[in-house]
């Protein structure tokens, strides 16, 4: 069970056997915490640059007293625009789950990436108090051809 403010006070533990008795009194103080929106670990997910055809993995660590709803989003374009009239970005929800833990580690894996996967993404966590999100970027580069490799080596 969780301690509540009314549990404050002195608690005495008495241990007794044929060799004697030990008595120790503890003072319990219960601090009230106000609920807060999820906290995302700084620096995660990290921007990454990978070669076309690679697999890439992003990590997001979420701390929340209440069960956080964790979403992975990708910024997309709709009818030539990346934002709605109200300024909210258009996104695709790539992955969504509700964590039962107060400390959740989630990951997004993209397989066999193409140039279309390049762009801005978010890890978003939502609970009953509010929303937190960390943006990150995926950059895709094309592999150098054998001729480009030779030319680079000659320089």
C-alpha atoms as a PDB file:
ATOM      1  CA  UNK A   1       0.000   0.000   0.000  1.00  0.00           C
ATOM      2  CA  UNK A   2       0.998   3.602  -0.409  1.00  0.00           C
ATOM      3  CA  UNK A   3       1.604   5.732   2.669  1.00  0.00           C
ATOM      4  CA  UNK A   4      -0.732   8.686   3.147  1.00  0.00           C
ATOM      5  CA  UNK A   5      -0.328  11.784   5.387  1.00  0.00           C
ATOM      6  CA  UNK A   6      -2.555  10.271   8.088  1.00  0.00           C
ATOM      7  CA  UNK A   7       0.057   7.476   8.475  1.00  0.00           C
ATOM      8  CA  UNK A   8       2.541   9.979  10.000  1.00  0.00           C
ATOM      9  CA  UNK A   9       3.725   9.135  13.496  1.00  0.00           C
ATOM     10  CA  UNK A  10       5.962   6.934  15.593  1.00  0.00           C
ATOM     11  CA  UNK A  11       6.114   3.206  14.944  1.00  0.00           C
ATOM     12  CA  UNK A  12       7.726   0.786  17.367  1.00  0.00           C
ATOM     13  CA  UNK A  13       9.177  -2.563  16.402  1.00  0.00           C
ATOM     14  CA  UNK A  14       9.569  -5.112  19.202  1.00  0.00           C
ATOM     15  CA  UNK A  15      11.617  -8.253  18.566  1.00  0.00           C
ATOM     16  CA  UNK A  16      11.710 -10.804  21.356  1.00  0.00           C
ATOM     17  CA  UNK A  17      13.110 -14.291  21.781  1.00  0.00           C
ATOM     18  CA  UNK A  18      14.609 -16.404  24.589  1.00  0.00           C
ATOM     19  CA  UNK A  19      17.783 -14.259  24.515  1.00  0.00           C
ATOM     20  CA  UNK A  20      16.045 -10.981  25.133  1.00  0.00           C
ATOM     21  CA  UNK A  21      14.113  -8.119  23.625  1.00  0.00           C
ATOM     22  CA  UNK A  22      15.027  -5.372  21.175  1.00  0.00           C
ATOM     23  CA  UNK A  23      12.808  -2.327  20.878  1.00  0.00           C
ATOM     24  CA  UNK A  24      13.287   0.365  18.273  1.00  0.00           C
ATOM     25  CA  UNK A  25      11.010   3.284  17.511  1.00  0.00           C
ATOM     26  CA  UNK A  26      10.926   4.898  14.075  1.00  0.00           C
ATOM     27  CA  UNK A  27       9.356   8.195  13.109  1.00  0.00           C
ATOM     28  CA  UNK A  28       7.478   8.158   9.806  1.00  0.00           C
ATOM     29  CA  UNK A  29       6.856  11.394   7.977  1.00  0.00           C
ATOM     30  CA  UNK A  30       4.777  11.268   4.802  1.00  0.00           C
ATOM     31  CA  UNK A  31       5.316  14.049   2.283  1.00  0.00           C
ATOM     32  CA  UNK A  32       2.530  14.825  -0.133  1.00  0.00           C
ATOM     33  CA  UNK A  33       3.509  14.978  -3.768  1.00  0.00           C
ATOM     34  CA  UNK A  34       1.424  16.725  -6.275  1.00  0.00           C
ATOM     35  CA  UNK A  35       0.868  14.737  -9.451  1.00  0.00           C
ATOM     36  CA  UNK A  36       2.793  15.917 -12.488  1.00  0.00           C
ATOM     37  CA  UNK A  37       2.883  15.336 -16.203  1.00  0.00           C
ATOM     38  CA  UNK A  38       5.316  12.633 -17.390  1.00  0.00           C
ATOM     39  CA  UNK A  39       9.032  13.415 -17.294  1.00  0.00           C
ATOM     40  CA  UNK A  40      11.122  12.350 -20.291  1.00  0.00           C
ATOM     41  CA  UNK A  41      14.826  11.691 -19.884  1.00  0.00           C
ATOM     42  CA  UNK A  42      16.830  14.472 -21.516  1.00  0.00           C
ATOM     43  CA  UNK A  43      18.824  13.519 -24.604  1.00  0.00           C
ATOM     44  CA  UNK A  44      16.518  10.650 -25.521  1.00  0.00           C
ATOM     45  CA  UNK A  45      15.654   9.835 -28.196  1.00  0.00           C
ATOM     46  CA  UNK A  46      18.867  10.974 -29.861  1.00  0.00           C
ATOM     47  CA  UNK A  47      19.094  12.176 -33.477  1.00  0.00           C
ATOM     48  CA  UNK A  48      20.560   9.550 -35.789  1.00  0.00           C
ATOM     49  CA  UNK A  49      22.029   9.389 -39.281  1.00  0.00           C
ATOM     50  CA  UNK A  50      21.939   6.007 -41.018  1.00  0.00           C
ATOM     51  CA  UNK A  51      22.474   4.586 -44.503  1.00  0.00           C
ATOM     52  CA  UNK A  52      19.536   3.608 -46.731  1.00  0.00           C
ATOM     53  CA  UNK A  53      18.531  -0.006 -46.038  1.00  0.00           C
ATOM     54  CA  UNK A  54      19.680   0.067 -42.392  1.00  0.00           C
ATOM     55  CA  UNK A  55      17.638  -0.699 -39.311  1.00  0.00           C
ATOM     56  CA  UNK A  56      17.539   2.036 -36.661  1.00  0.00           C
ATOM     57  CA  UNK A  57      16.441   2.006 -33.024  1.00  0.00           C
ATOM     58  CA  UNK A  58      15.367   4.970 -30.874  1.00  0.00           C
ATOM     59  CA  UNK A  59      14.952   4.902 -27.079  1.00  0.00           C
ATOM     60  CA  UNK A  60      12.673   6.928 -24.812  1.00  0.00           C
ATOM     61  CA  UNK A  61      12.645   6.803 -20.999  1.00  0.00           C
ATOM     62  CA  UNK A  62       9.495   8.026 -19.243  1.00  0.00           C
ATOM     63  CA  UNK A  63       8.932   8.705 -15.534  1.00  0.00           C
ATOM     64  CA  UNK A  64       5.320   9.094 -14.408  1.00  0.00           C
ATOM     65  CA  UNK A  65       3.363   8.494 -11.178  1.00  0.00           C
ATOM     66  CA  UNK A  66       0.285   7.740 -13.248  1.00  0.00           C
ATOM     67  CA  UNK A  67       0.225   5.191 -16.052  1.00  0.00           C
ATOM     68  CA  UNK A  68       1.672   7.025 -19.054  1.00  0.00           C
ATOM     69  CA  UNK A  69       0.358   6.552 -22.568  1.00  0.00           C
ATOM     70  CA  UNK A  70       3.522   6.488 -24.726  1.00  0.00           C
ATOM     71  CA  UNK A  71       3.326   7.377 -28.417  1.00  0.00           C
ATOM     72  CA  UNK A  72       5.889   7.529 -31.215  1.00  0.00           C
ATOM     73  CA  UNK A  73       4.975  10.074 -33.888  1.00  0.00           C
ATOM     74  CA  UNK A  74       6.346  11.076 -37.302  1.00  0.00           C
ATOM     75  CA  UNK A  75       5.862  14.560 -38.757  1.00  0.00           C
ATOM     76  CA  UNK A  76       4.164  14.228 -42.159  1.00  0.00           C
ATOM     77  CA  UNK A  77       2.930  16.379 -45.002  1.00  0.00           C
ATOM     78  CA  UNK A  78      -0.791  16.637 -45.907  1.00  0.00           C
ATOM     79  CA  UNK A  79      -1.789  18.395 -49.136  1.00  0.00           C
ATOM     80  CA  UNK A  80       1.622  20.070 -49.354  1.00  0.00           C
ATOM     81  CA  UNK A  81       1.540  21.373 -45.767  1.00  0.00           C
ATOM     82  CA  UNK A  82       3.235  20.103 -42.624  1.00  0.00           C
ATOM     83  CA  UNK A  83       0.928  22.053 -40.249  1.00  0.00           C
ATOM     84  CA  UNK A  84      -2.821  22.434 -39.848  1.00  0.00           C
ATOM     85  CA  UNK A  85      -4.447  25.904 -39.854  1.00  0.00           C
ATOM     86  CA  UNK A  86      -4.187  26.003 -36.043  1.00  0.00           C
ATOM     87  CA  UNK A  87      -0.401  25.460 -36.221  1.00  0.00           C
ATOM     88  CA  UNK A  88      -0.517  21.867 -34.984  1.00  0.00           C
ATOM     89  CA  UNK A  89       1.848  19.590 -36.934  1.00  0.00           C
ATOM     90  CA  UNK A  90       0.406  16.741 -38.978  1.00  0.00           C
ATOM     91  CA  UNK A  91       1.666  13.429 -37.586  1.00  0.00           C
ATOM     92  CA  UNK A  92       1.348   9.692 -38.051  1.00  0.00           C
ATOM     93  CA  UNK A  93       1.182   7.634 -34.853  1.00  0.00           C
ATOM     94  CA  UNK A  94       3.725   4.865 -35.435  1.00  0.00           C
ATOM     95  CA  UNK A  95       3.418   3.094 -32.084  1.00  0.00           C
ATOM     96  CA  UNK A  96       1.258   3.518 -28.993  1.00  0.00           C
ATOM     97  CA  UNK A  97       1.127   1.757 -25.629  1.00  0.00           C
ATOM     98  CA  UNK A  98       0.116   2.288 -22.006  1.00  0.00           C
ATOM     99  CA  UNK A  99       2.813   1.514 -19.441  1.00  0.00           C
ATOM    100  CA  UNK A 100       1.906   0.018 -16.076  1.00  0.00           C
ATOM    101  CA  UNK A 101       5.273   1.076 -14.644  1.00  0.00           C
ATOM    102  CA  UNK A 102       6.328   4.407 -13.096  1.00  0.00           C
ATOM    103  CA  UNK A 103       9.601   4.161 -15.044  1.00  0.00           C
ATOM    104  CA  UNK A 104       9.032   3.051 -18.630  1.00  0.00           C
ATOM    105  CA  UNK A 105      11.707   2.415 -21.242  1.00  0.00           C
ATOM    106  CA  UNK A 106      10.248   2.227 -24.717  1.00  0.00           C
ATOM    107  CA  UNK A 107      11.846   1.858 -28.126  1.00  0.00           C
ATOM    108  CA  UNK A 108      10.939   2.463 -31.735  1.00  0.00           C
ATOM    109  CA  UNK A 109      12.620   0.310 -34.372  1.00  0.00           C
ATOM    110  CA  UNK A 110      12.471   1.174 -38.073  1.00  0.00           C
ATOM    111  CA  UNK A 111      13.577  -1.555 -40.464  1.00  0.00           C
ATOM    112  CA  UNK A 112      15.164  -1.243 -43.900  1.00  0.00           C
ATOM    113  CA  UNK A 113      14.852   2.564 -43.908  1.00  0.00           C
ATOM    114  CA  UNK A 114      14.421   4.559 -47.091  1.00  0.00           C
ATOM    115  CA  UNK A 115      14.733   8.265 -47.873  1.00  0.00           C
ATOM    116  CA  UNK A 116      10.972   8.533 -47.089  1.00  0.00           C
ATOM    117  CA  UNK A 117      11.706   7.673 -43.426  1.00  0.00           C
ATOM    118  CA  UNK A 118      13.885  10.772 -43.054  1.00  0.00           C
ATOM    119  CA  UNK A 119      12.403  13.554 -40.946  1.00  0.00           C
ATOM    120  CA  UNK A 120      11.242  14.746 -37.567  1.00  0.00           C
ATOM    121  CA  UNK A 121       9.808  12.358 -34.980  1.00  0.00           C
ATOM    122  CA  UNK A 122       8.583  12.622 -31.384  1.00  0.00           C
ATOM    123  CA  UNK A 123       8.386  10.443 -28.314  1.00  0.00           C
ATOM    124  CA  UNK A 124       5.254  11.634 -26.477  1.00  0.00           C
ATOM    125  CA  UNK A 125       4.035  10.612 -23.015  1.00  0.00           C
ATOM    126  CA  UNK A 126       0.586  11.512 -21.702  1.00  0.00           C
ATOM    127  CA  UNK A 127      -1.031  11.024 -18.291  1.00  0.00           C
ATOM    128  CA  UNK A 128      -4.074  12.551 -16.595  1.00  0.00           C
ATOM    129  CA  UNK A 129      -2.071  15.680 -15.643  1.00  0.00           C
ATOM    130  CA  UNK A 130      -0.569  16.543 -19.016  1.00  0.00           C
ATOM    131  CA  UNK A 131       1.712  15.778 -21.945  1.00  0.00           C
ATOM    132  CA  UNK A 132       5.491  15.785 -22.454  1.00  0.00           C
ATOM    133  CA  UNK A 133       7.336  15.141 -25.704  1.00  0.00           C
ATOM    134  CA  UNK A 134      10.889  15.066 -27.001  1.00  0.00           C
ATOM    135  CA  UNK A 135      11.509  15.681 -30.712  1.00  0.00           C
ATOM    136  CA  UNK A 136      14.316  13.974 -32.626  1.00  0.00           C
ATOM    137  CA  UNK A 137      15.485  13.661 -36.217  1.00  0.00           C
ATOM    138  CA  UNK A 138      16.314  10.757 -38.494  1.00  0.00           C
ATOM    139  CA  UNK A 139      18.664  11.564 -41.344  1.00  0.00           C
ATOM    140  CA  UNK A 140      19.161   9.085 -44.192  1.00  0.00           C
ATOM    141  CA  UNK A 141      22.228   9.081 -46.411  1.00  0.00           C
ATOM    142  CA  UNK A 142      22.851   7.043 -49.514  1.00  0.00           C
ATOM    143  CA  UNK A 143      25.890   4.770 -49.494  1.00  0.00           C
ATOM    144  CA  UNK A 144      28.886   5.871 -51.527  1.00  0.00           C
ATOM    145  CA  UNK A 145      29.414   3.992 -54.765  1.00  0.00           C
ATOM    146  CA  UNK A 146      32.654   2.059 -55.304  1.00  0.00           C
ATOM    147  CA  UNK A 147      33.888   4.815 -57.679  1.00  0.00           C
ATOM    148  CA  UNK A 148      33.203   7.543 -55.077  1.00  0.00           C
ATOM    149  CA  UNK A 149      35.111   5.487 -52.501  1.00  0.00           C
ATOM    150  CA  UNK A 150      38.151   5.235 -54.789  1.00  0.00           C
ATOM    151  CA  UNK A 151      38.034   8.959 -55.621  1.00  0.00           C
ATOM    152  CA  UNK A 152      37.807   9.814 -51.906  1.00  0.00           C
ATOM    153  CA  UNK A 153      40.786   7.537 -51.128  1.00  0.00           C
ATOM    154  CA  UNK A 154      42.923   9.332 -53.772  1.00  0.00           C
ATOM    155  CA  UNK A 155      42.440  12.753 -52.117  1.00  0.00           C
END
